[in-house]
Amino acid sequence: MAERYLCPICRSNRSSFEVIFKLSREIRKDPDTGEELFQADAMSVVLRNDRPELDIRCLQCGYTGYEGLFVKAAKQGAS
């Protein structure tokens, strides 16, 4: 579902954003030396409630935060 965004900091940007996907990769390290013993070949998108966990960056002021903050600001700004 499409959601409207409003930057919760500058409160003027409703159109220019970057979407940042969080990726994870399994690794294993030696507990004594910190040497990397294993690194998975594949990376996977981090999910929250079966949806990709996204951060949003405002391209006007540079603030980066959880997507829900931008959606909530847009809903509050519309009322």
C-alpha atoms as a PDB file:
ATOM      1  CA  MET A   1       0.000   0.000   0.000  1.00  0.00           C
ATOM      2  CA  ALA A   2       1.320   3.434  -0.905  1.00  0.00           C
ATOM      3  CA  GLU A   3       1.965   5.720   2.046  1.00  0.00           C
ATOM      4  CA  ARG A   4       2.525   9.469   2.031  1.00  0.00           C
ATOM      5  CA  TYR A   5       5.677  10.825   3.708  1.00  0.00           C
ATOM      6  CA  LEU A   6       6.447  14.082   5.474  1.00  0.00           C
ATOM      7  CA  CYS A   7       9.847  14.737   7.009  1.00  0.00           C
ATOM      8  CA  PRO A   8       9.309  14.856  10.799  1.00  0.00           C
ATOM      9  CA  ILE A   9      12.239  17.274  11.212  1.00  0.00           C
ATOM     10  CA  CYS A  10      12.031  19.950   8.501  1.00  0.00           C
ATOM     11  CA  ARG A  11       8.238  19.408   8.053  1.00  0.00           C
ATOM     12  CA  SER A  12       8.349  20.876   4.533  1.00  0.00           C
ATOM     13  CA  ASN A  13       9.454  17.944   2.370  1.00  0.00           C
ATOM     14  CA  ARG A  14       6.676  15.723   1.052  1.00  0.00           C
ATOM     15  CA  SER A  15       8.281  14.550  -2.193  1.00  0.00           C
ATOM     16  CA  SER A  16      12.087  14.045  -2.191  1.00  0.00           C
ATOM     17  CA  PHE A  17      13.349  11.013  -0.271  1.00  0.00           C
ATOM     18  CA  GLU A  18      15.754   8.084  -0.465  1.00  0.00           C
ATOM     19  CA  VAL A  19      14.661   4.597   0.611  1.00  0.00           C
ATOM     20  CA  ILE A  20      17.320   2.627   2.495  1.00  0.00           C
ATOM     21  CA  PHE A  21      16.918  -1.154   2.651  1.00  0.00           C
ATOM     22  CA  LYS A  22      18.596  -2.965   5.531  1.00  0.00           C
ATOM     23  CA  LEU A  23      20.530  -6.063   4.515  1.00  0.00           C
ATOM     24  CA  SER A  24      22.061  -8.802   6.650  1.00  0.00           C
ATOM     25  CA  ARG A  25      24.712 -11.462   6.085  1.00  0.00           C
ATOM     26  CA  GLU A  26      25.592 -14.258   8.490  1.00  0.00           C
ATOM     27  CA  ILE A  27      29.195 -14.316   9.685  1.00  0.00           C
ATOM     28  CA  ARG A  28      31.110 -16.311  12.304  1.00  0.00           C
ATOM     29  CA  LYS A  29      34.172 -15.026  14.153  1.00  0.00           C
ATOM     30  CA  ASP A  30      36.797 -16.553  16.363  1.00  0.00           C
ATOM     31  CA  PRO A  31      35.940 -15.285  19.876  1.00  0.00           C
ATOM     32  CA  ASP A  32      39.594 -14.892  20.858  1.00  0.00           C
ATOM     33  CA  THR A  33      41.146 -13.276  17.796  1.00  0.00           C
ATOM     34  CA  GLY A  34      38.144 -11.725  16.044  1.00  0.00           C
ATOM     35  CA  GLU A  35      39.217 -13.409  12.825  1.00  0.00           C
ATOM     36  CA  GLU A  36      36.337 -14.060  10.455  1.00  0.00           C
ATOM     37  CA  LEU A  37      35.894 -17.820  10.082  1.00  0.00           C
ATOM     38  CA  PHE A  38      32.795 -17.900   7.872  1.00  0.00           C
ATOM     39  CA  GLN A  39      30.825 -15.462   5.753  1.00  0.00           C
ATOM     40  CA  ALA A  40      27.616 -16.477   3.978  1.00  0.00           C
ATOM     41  CA  ASP A  41      27.538 -15.786   0.250  1.00  0.00           C
ATOM     42  CA  ALA A  42      23.993 -14.471   0.267  1.00  0.00           C
ATOM     43  CA  MET A  43      22.622 -11.321   1.819  1.00  0.00           C
ATOM     44  CA  SER A  44      18.995 -11.057   2.850  1.00  0.00           C
ATOM     45  CA  VAL A  45      16.644  -8.147   3.422  1.00  0.00           C
ATOM     46  CA  VAL A  46      15.846  -7.555   7.094  1.00  0.00           C
ATOM     47  CA  LEU A  47      12.099  -7.972   7.628  1.00  0.00           C
ATOM     48  CA  ARG A  48       9.747  -6.502  10.231  1.00  0.00           C
ATOM     49  CA  ASN A  49       6.217  -7.951  10.299  1.00  0.00           C
ATOM     50  CA  ASP A  50       6.858  -9.661   6.926  1.00  0.00           C
ATOM     51  CA  ARG A  51       7.753  -6.342   5.268  1.00  0.00           C
ATOM     52  CA  PRO A  52      11.223  -5.012   4.474  1.00  0.00           C
ATOM     53  CA  GLU A  53      12.619  -2.861   7.275  1.00  0.00           C
ATOM     54  CA  LEU A  54      13.209   0.508   5.657  1.00  0.00           C
ATOM     55  CA  ASP A  55      14.809   3.749   6.672  1.00  0.00           C
ATOM     56  CA  ILE A  56      13.951   6.949   4.831  1.00  0.00           C
ATOM     57  CA  ARG A  57      16.294   9.895   4.195  1.00  0.00           C
ATOM     58  CA  CYS A  58      14.904  13.368   3.589  1.00  0.00           C
ATOM     59  CA  LEU A  59      16.721  14.874   0.608  1.00  0.00           C
ATOM     60  CA  GLN A  60      16.094  18.418   1.854  1.00  0.00           C
ATOM     61  CA  CYS A  61      17.478  18.324   5.411  1.00  0.00           C
ATOM     62  CA  GLY A  62      19.301  14.966   5.391  1.00  0.00           C
ATOM     63  CA  TYR A  63      17.452  13.440   8.355  1.00  0.00           C
ATOM     64  CA  THR A  64      17.350   9.609   8.259  1.00  0.00           C
ATOM     65  CA  GLY A  65      14.891   7.599  10.320  1.00  0.00           C
ATOM     66  CA  TYR A  66      12.474   4.695  10.491  1.00  0.00           C
ATOM     67  CA  GLU A  67       9.818   4.773   7.756  1.00  0.00           C
ATOM     68  CA  GLY A  68       6.983   4.834  10.312  1.00  0.00           C
ATOM     69  CA  LEU A  69       8.107   8.267  11.563  1.00  0.00           C
ATOM     70  CA  PHE A  70       7.670   9.772   8.084  1.00  0.00           C
ATOM     71  CA  VAL A  71       4.265   8.123   7.608  1.00  0.00           C
ATOM     72  CA  LYS A  72       3.072   9.269  11.049  1.00  0.00           C
ATOM     73  CA  ALA A  73       4.239  12.843  10.355  1.00  0.00           C
ATOM     74  CA  ALA A  74       2.311  12.853   7.050  1.00  0.00           C
ATOM     75  CA  LYS A  75      -0.881  11.634   8.767  1.00  0.00           C
ATOM     76  CA  GLN A  76      -0.578  14.238  11.524  1.00  0.00           C
ATOM     77  CA  GLY A  77       0.277  16.974   9.014  1.00  0.00           C
ATOM     78  CA  ALA A  78      -2.852  16.229   6.969  1.00  0.00           C
ATOM     79  CA  SER A  79      -5.218  16.873   9.855  1.00  0.00           C
END
